Amino acid sequence: MMSRKKEQHDQFPNIPDFYKVKLLEPGWGGLLTLEEAIYIQVQLAQDARLRKRWGIRYIAAPLSIISKKAFPENTAAARRHIRAQQARVRRRIRSKAKMSLKTHVDRKRTQ
């Protein structure tokens, strides 16, 4: 049976271990990537003390709030940066769904 920490480590293989520890310090991360923001969001959901340190009251903190707390010097830029990344991911998902639907329709036509 895999431990909880090992499972979390496997969820975010692109973030180095040292960086994972530092990311949990409010104001250290700067402009976050989407993966970093989601990592922080997962950690905040599991640790009440960490939420208190970040000044977040919600168990499921929105990514925009996390990004603002990670980059307090320019909260507007942090919010724009994370929202732009989310929009890119949504567009990528939509285009994959359209391609999948088109492939499905093409298969139906050939049958």
N, C-alpha and C. Protein backbone atom coordinates (compact mmCIF):
# COMPACT_ATOMS: atom_id res chain seq x y z
N MET A 1 0.84 -1.19 0.00
CA MET A 1 0.00 0.00 0.00
C MET A 1 0.88 1.25 0.00
N MET A 2 0.56 2.20 -0.88
CA MET A 2 1.35 3.41 -1.03
C MET A 2 0.92 4.45 0.01
N SER A 3 1.88 5.15 0.61
CA SER A 3 1.55 6.16 1.60
C SER A 3 0.94 7.38 0.92
N ARG A 4 0.27 8.19 1.72
CA ARG A 4 -0.40 9.38 1.19
C ARG A 4 0.60 10.36 0.59
N LYS A 5 1.74 10.56 1.27
CA LYS A 5 2.75 11.49 0.76
C LYS A 5 3.33 11.00 -0.56
N LYS A 6 3.54 9.69 -0.68
CA LYS A 6 4.08 9.13 -1.92
C LYS A 6 3.09 9.34 -3.06
N GLU A 7 1.78 9.17 -2.77
CA GLU A 7 0.77 9.40 -3.80
C GLU A 7 0.79 10.85 -4.26
N GLN A 8 0.91 11.79 -3.32
CA GLN A 8 0.96 13.20 -3.68
C GLN A 8 2.21 13.51 -4.51
N HIS A 9 3.31 12.88 -4.16
CA HIS A 9 4.54 13.08 -4.91
C HIS A 9 4.35 12.62 -6.36
N ASP A 10 3.66 11.50 -6.53
CA ASP A 10 3.43 10.98 -7.86
C ASP A 10 2.47 11.86 -8.67
N GLN A 11 1.60 12.60 -8.00
CA GLN A 11 0.66 13.47 -8.70
C GLN A 11 1.35 14.65 -9.37
N PHE A 12 2.46 15.09 -8.82
CA PHE A 12 3.15 16.28 -9.31
C PHE A 12 4.62 15.98 -9.59
N PRO A 13 4.89 15.13 -10.58
CA PRO A 13 6.28 14.74 -10.83
C PRO A 13 7.15 15.85 -11.43
N ASN A 14 6.53 16.88 -12.00
CA ASN A 14 7.31 17.96 -12.64
C ASN A 14 7.80 19.02 -11.66
N ILE A 15 7.36 18.93 -10.40
CA ILE A 15 7.78 19.90 -9.39
C ILE A 15 8.82 19.22 -8.50
N PRO A 16 10.05 19.73 -8.45
CA PRO A 16 11.09 19.13 -7.59
C PRO A 16 10.70 19.18 -6.11
N ASP A 17 11.19 18.23 -5.33
CA ASP A 17 10.83 18.13 -3.91
C ASP A 17 11.18 19.39 -3.13
N PHE A 18 12.37 19.94 -3.35
CA PHE A 18 12.77 21.16 -2.65
C PHE A 18 11.80 22.30 -2.97
N TYR A 19 11.45 22.39 -4.21
CA TYR A 19 10.55 23.45 -4.66
C TYR A 19 9.16 23.27 -4.05
N LYS A 20 8.73 22.01 -3.87
CA LYS A 20 7.42 21.75 -3.26
C LYS A 20 7.36 22.33 -1.85
N VAL A 21 8.44 22.21 -1.11
CA VAL A 21 8.47 22.73 0.26
C VAL A 21 8.44 24.26 0.23
N LYS A 22 9.25 24.86 -0.63
CA LYS A 22 9.31 26.32 -0.70
C LYS A 22 8.02 26.94 -1.23
N LEU A 23 7.34 26.24 -2.14
CA LEU A 23 6.09 26.76 -2.70
C LEU A 23 5.03 26.99 -1.63
N LEU A 24 5.12 26.24 -0.55
CA LEU A 24 4.10 26.35 0.51
C LEU A 24 4.32 27.55 1.41
N GLU A 25 5.36 28.33 1.16
CA GLU A 25 5.58 29.58 1.90
C GLU A 25 4.86 30.70 1.15
N PRO A 26 3.92 31.38 1.81
CA PRO A 26 3.20 32.46 1.14
C PRO A 26 4.17 33.54 0.64
N GLY A 27 3.98 33.96 -0.61
CA GLY A 27 4.80 35.02 -1.18
C GLY A 27 6.09 34.55 -1.80
N TRP A 28 6.44 33.28 -1.70
CA TRP A 28 7.72 32.80 -2.23
C TRP A 28 7.64 32.44 -3.70
N GLY A 29 6.51 31.92 -4.15
CA GLY A 29 6.41 31.34 -5.49
C GLY A 29 6.43 32.31 -6.65
N GLY A 30 6.06 33.55 -6.44
CA GLY A 30 5.99 34.49 -7.56
C GLY A 30 4.86 34.12 -8.50
N LEU A 31 5.05 34.34 -9.79
CA LEU A 31 4.04 33.95 -10.76
C LEU A 31 4.05 32.43 -10.90
N LEU A 32 2.95 31.81 -10.55
CA LEU A 32 2.88 30.35 -10.52
C LEU A 32 2.45 29.77 -11.85
N THR A 33 2.94 28.58 -12.13
CA THR A 33 2.38 27.82 -13.25
C THR A 33 1.08 27.20 -12.75
N LEU A 34 0.27 26.73 -13.65
CA LEU A 34 -0.99 26.12 -13.27
C LEU A 34 -0.75 24.89 -12.38
N GLU A 35 0.25 24.09 -12.72
CA GLU A 35 0.55 22.90 -11.92
C GLU A 35 0.98 23.27 -10.50
N GLU A 36 1.78 24.31 -10.35
CA GLU A 36 2.19 24.76 -9.02
C GLU A 36 1.01 25.25 -8.21
N ALA A 37 0.12 26.01 -8.84
CA ALA A 37 -1.06 26.51 -8.14
C ALA A 37 -1.96 25.36 -7.69
N ILE A 38 -2.12 24.35 -8.54
CA ILE A 38 -2.94 23.20 -8.18
C ILE A 38 -2.28 22.42 -7.05
N TYR A 39 -0.97 22.29 -7.07
CA TYR A 39 -0.25 21.62 -5.98
C TYR A 39 -0.52 22.33 -4.66
N ILE A 40 -0.41 23.66 -4.65
CA ILE A 40 -0.67 24.43 -3.43
C ILE A 40 -2.12 24.25 -3.01
N GLN A 41 -3.03 24.26 -3.97
CA GLN A 41 -4.46 24.09 -3.67
C GLN A 41 -4.71 22.74 -2.98
N VAL A 42 -4.09 21.69 -3.47
CA VAL A 42 -4.25 20.36 -2.86
C VAL A 42 -3.71 20.36 -1.43
N GLN A 43 -2.54 20.97 -1.25
CA GLN A 43 -1.94 21.01 0.09
C GLN A 43 -2.80 21.82 1.06
N LEU A 44 -3.34 22.94 0.60
CA LEU A 44 -4.19 23.77 1.45
C LEU A 44 -5.47 23.03 1.86
N ALA A 45 -6.01 22.24 0.95
CA ALA A 45 -7.23 21.49 1.25
C ALA A 45 -7.00 20.46 2.34
N GLN A 46 -5.76 19.99 2.47
CA GLN A 46 -5.47 18.93 3.43
C GLN A 46 -4.91 19.42 4.75
N ASP A 47 -4.52 20.68 4.86
CA ASP A 47 -3.82 21.15 6.05
C ASP A 47 -4.39 22.48 6.54
N ALA A 48 -5.10 22.43 7.68
CA ALA A 48 -5.73 23.63 8.23
C ALA A 48 -4.69 24.66 8.68
N ARG A 49 -3.58 24.20 9.24
CA ARG A 49 -2.53 25.13 9.67
C ARG A 49 -1.94 25.89 8.48
N LEU A 50 -1.76 25.19 7.40
CA LEU A 50 -1.23 25.82 6.19
C LEU A 50 -2.22 26.87 5.67
N ARG A 51 -3.51 26.55 5.69
CA ARG A 51 -4.52 27.53 5.26
C ARG A 51 -4.46 28.78 6.14
N LYS A 52 -4.29 28.57 7.44
CA LYS A 52 -4.22 29.71 8.35
C LYS A 52 -2.99 30.57 8.05
N ARG A 53 -1.86 29.91 7.77
CA ARG A 53 -0.62 30.64 7.45
C ARG A 53 -0.79 31.45 6.17
N TRP A 54 -1.53 30.91 5.22
CA TRP A 54 -1.76 31.60 3.95
C TRP A 54 -2.88 32.64 4.08
N GLY A 55 -3.62 32.62 5.17
CA GLY A 55 -4.74 33.55 5.35
C GLY A 55 -5.94 33.19 4.51
N ILE A 56 -6.12 31.89 4.26
CA ILE A 56 -7.23 31.40 3.44
C ILE A 56 -8.18 30.61 4.33
N ARG A 57 -9.45 30.97 4.28
CA ARG A 57 -10.44 30.32 5.14
C ARG A 57 -11.13 29.14 4.49
N TYR A 58 -11.05 29.03 3.18
CA TYR A 58 -11.80 28.01 2.47
C TYR A 58 -10.98 26.73 2.32
N ILE A 59 -11.65 25.60 2.41
CA ILE A 59 -10.95 24.33 2.18
C ILE A 59 -10.59 24.23 0.70
N ALA A 60 -11.51 24.60 -0.18
CA ALA A 60 -11.25 24.57 -1.62
C ALA A 60 -11.00 26.01 -2.09
N ALA A 61 -9.79 26.48 -1.90
CA ALA A 61 -9.45 27.86 -2.26
C ALA A 61 -9.34 27.99 -3.78
N PRO A 62 -9.95 29.03 -4.35
CA PRO A 62 -9.82 29.25 -5.80
C PRO A 62 -8.37 29.53 -6.19
N LEU A 63 -8.00 29.11 -7.39
CA LEU A 63 -6.63 29.30 -7.86
C LEU A 63 -6.25 30.78 -7.95
N SER A 64 -7.23 31.64 -8.24
CA SER A 64 -6.92 33.07 -8.35
C SER A 64 -6.47 33.63 -6.99
N ILE A 65 -7.08 33.16 -5.91
CA ILE A 65 -6.69 33.62 -4.57
C ILE A 65 -5.30 33.09 -4.23
N ILE A 66 -5.06 31.83 -4.55
CA ILE A 66 -3.74 31.23 -4.29
C ILE A 66 -2.66 31.99 -5.04
N SER A 67 -2.91 32.31 -6.30
CA SER A 67 -1.90 33.02 -7.10
C SER A 67 -1.64 34.42 -6.55
N LYS A 68 -2.67 35.08 -6.06
CA LYS A 68 -2.49 36.42 -5.48
C LYS A 68 -1.67 36.36 -4.20
N LYS A 69 -1.91 35.33 -3.38
CA LYS A 69 -1.16 35.19 -2.13
C LYS A 69 0.30 34.79 -2.41
N ALA A 70 0.53 34.07 -3.50
CA ALA A 70 1.88 33.65 -3.84
C ALA A 70 2.71 34.80 -4.42
N PHE A 71 2.05 35.79 -5.00
CA PHE A 71 2.75 36.92 -5.62
C PHE A 71 2.09 38.22 -5.17
N PRO A 72 2.25 38.58 -3.88
CA PRO A 72 1.56 39.76 -3.35
C PRO A 72 2.05 41.08 -3.92
N GLU A 73 3.23 41.10 -4.54
CA GLU A 73 3.77 42.35 -5.09
C GLU A 73 2.93 42.88 -6.25
N ASN A 74 2.31 41.98 -7.02
CA ASN A 74 1.49 42.39 -8.14
C ASN A 74 0.35 41.39 -8.30
N THR A 75 -0.68 41.58 -7.49
CA THR A 75 -1.78 40.60 -7.45
C THR A 75 -2.55 40.56 -8.77
N ALA A 76 -2.67 41.70 -9.43
CA ALA A 76 -3.40 41.72 -10.71
C ALA A 76 -2.67 40.88 -11.76
N ALA A 77 -1.36 41.02 -11.82
CA ALA A 77 -0.58 40.22 -12.78
C ALA A 77 -0.67 38.73 -12.45
N ALA A 78 -0.64 38.41 -11.16
CA ALA A 78 -0.73 37.01 -10.75
C ALA A 78 -2.07 36.41 -11.17
N ARG A 79 -3.14 37.16 -10.96
CA ARG A 79 -4.48 36.69 -11.33
C ARG A 79 -4.60 36.52 -12.85
N ARG A 80 -4.12 37.51 -13.61
CA ARG A 80 -4.16 37.41 -15.08
C ARG A 80 -3.35 36.22 -15.57
N HIS A 81 -2.19 36.01 -14.98
CA HIS A 81 -1.30 34.93 -15.40
C HIS A 81 -1.97 33.56 -15.20
N ILE A 82 -2.57 33.34 -14.04
CA ILE A 82 -3.18 32.04 -13.76
C ILE A 82 -4.43 31.84 -14.61
N ARG A 83 -5.20 32.91 -14.82
CA ARG A 83 -6.41 32.79 -15.65
C ARG A 83 -6.05 32.51 -17.11
N ALA A 84 -4.99 33.10 -17.60
CA ALA A 84 -4.56 32.84 -18.98
C ALA A 84 -4.15 31.38 -19.14
N GLN A 85 -3.46 30.84 -18.13
CA GLN A 85 -3.07 29.43 -18.19
C GLN A 85 -4.30 28.51 -18.16
N GLN A 86 -5.27 28.86 -17.32
CA GLN A 86 -6.49 28.07 -17.26
C GLN A 86 -7.22 28.11 -18.60
N ALA A 87 -7.27 29.26 -19.22
CA ALA A 87 -7.93 29.40 -20.53
C ALA A 87 -7.23 28.55 -21.58
N ARG A 88 -5.89 28.53 -21.57
CA ARG A 88 -5.15 27.68 -22.51
C ARG A 88 -5.48 26.21 -22.34
N VAL A 89 -5.57 25.77 -21.08
CA VAL A 89 -5.90 24.37 -20.81
C VAL A 89 -7.32 24.06 -21.28
N ARG A 90 -8.25 24.98 -21.02
CA ARG A 90 -9.64 24.76 -21.47
C ARG A 90 -9.72 24.65 -22.99
N ARG A 91 -8.99 25.55 -23.70
CA ARG A 91 -8.99 25.48 -25.17
C ARG A 91 -8.41 24.17 -25.66
N ARG A 92 -7.34 23.71 -25.03
CA ARG A 92 -6.73 22.45 -25.42
C ARG A 92 -7.70 21.28 -25.20
N ILE A 93 -8.41 21.30 -24.09
CA ILE A 93 -9.39 20.24 -23.80
C ILE A 93 -10.52 20.27 -24.82
N ARG A 94 -11.02 21.48 -25.12
CA ARG A 94 -12.10 21.60 -26.10
C ARG A 94 -11.67 21.10 -27.48
N SER A 95 -10.46 21.46 -27.90
CA SER A 95 -10.01 21.02 -29.22
C SER A 95 -9.84 19.51 -29.27
N LYS A 96 -9.37 18.91 -28.17
CA LYS A 96 -9.26 17.45 -28.13
C LYS A 96 -10.64 16.81 -28.18
N ALA A 97 -11.60 17.41 -27.48
CA ALA A 97 -12.96 16.87 -27.49
C ALA A 97 -13.57 16.96 -28.89
N LYS A 98 -13.33 18.08 -29.58
CA LYS A 98 -13.85 18.23 -30.94
C LYS A 98 -13.22 17.21 -31.87
N MET A 99 -11.92 17.01 -31.73
CA MET A 99 -11.23 16.02 -32.57
C MET A 99 -11.76 14.62 -32.29
N SER A 100 -12.00 14.33 -31.02
CA SER A 100 -12.52 13.02 -30.65
C SER A 100 -13.92 12.82 -31.21
N LEU A 101 -14.75 13.85 -31.12
CA LEU A 101 -16.11 13.78 -31.65
C LEU A 101 -16.07 13.61 -33.16
N LYS A 102 -15.20 14.35 -33.83
CA LYS A 102 -15.09 14.24 -35.29
C LYS A 102 -14.65 12.83 -35.68
N THR A 103 -13.70 12.27 -34.97
CA THR A 103 -13.25 10.90 -35.24
C THR A 103 -14.39 9.91 -35.04
N HIS A 104 -15.16 10.12 -33.99
CA HIS A 104 -16.30 9.24 -33.69
C HIS A 104 -17.34 9.31 -34.82
N VAL A 105 -17.64 10.52 -35.28
CA VAL A 105 -18.62 10.71 -36.36
C VAL A 105 -18.10 10.09 -37.65
N ASP A 106 -16.83 10.27 -37.95
CA ASP A 106 -16.23 9.69 -39.16
C ASP A 106 -16.30 8.15 -39.13
N ARG A 107 -16.08 7.57 -37.96
CA ARG A 107 -16.18 6.13 -37.84
C ARG A 107 -17.60 5.64 -38.08
N LYS A 108 -18.58 6.39 -37.57
CA LYS A 108 -19.98 6.03 -37.76
C LYS A 108 -20.34 6.05 -39.24
N ARG A 109 -19.82 7.06 -39.95
CA ARG A 109 -20.15 7.20 -41.38
C ARG A 109 -19.57 6.05 -42.21
N THR A 110 -18.40 5.58 -41.82
CA THR A 110 -17.76 4.51 -42.60
C THR A 110 -18.36 3.13 -42.31
N GLN A 111 -19.11 3.03 -41.25
CA GLN A 111 -19.70 1.71 -40.90
C GLN A 111 -20.93 1.42 -41.67
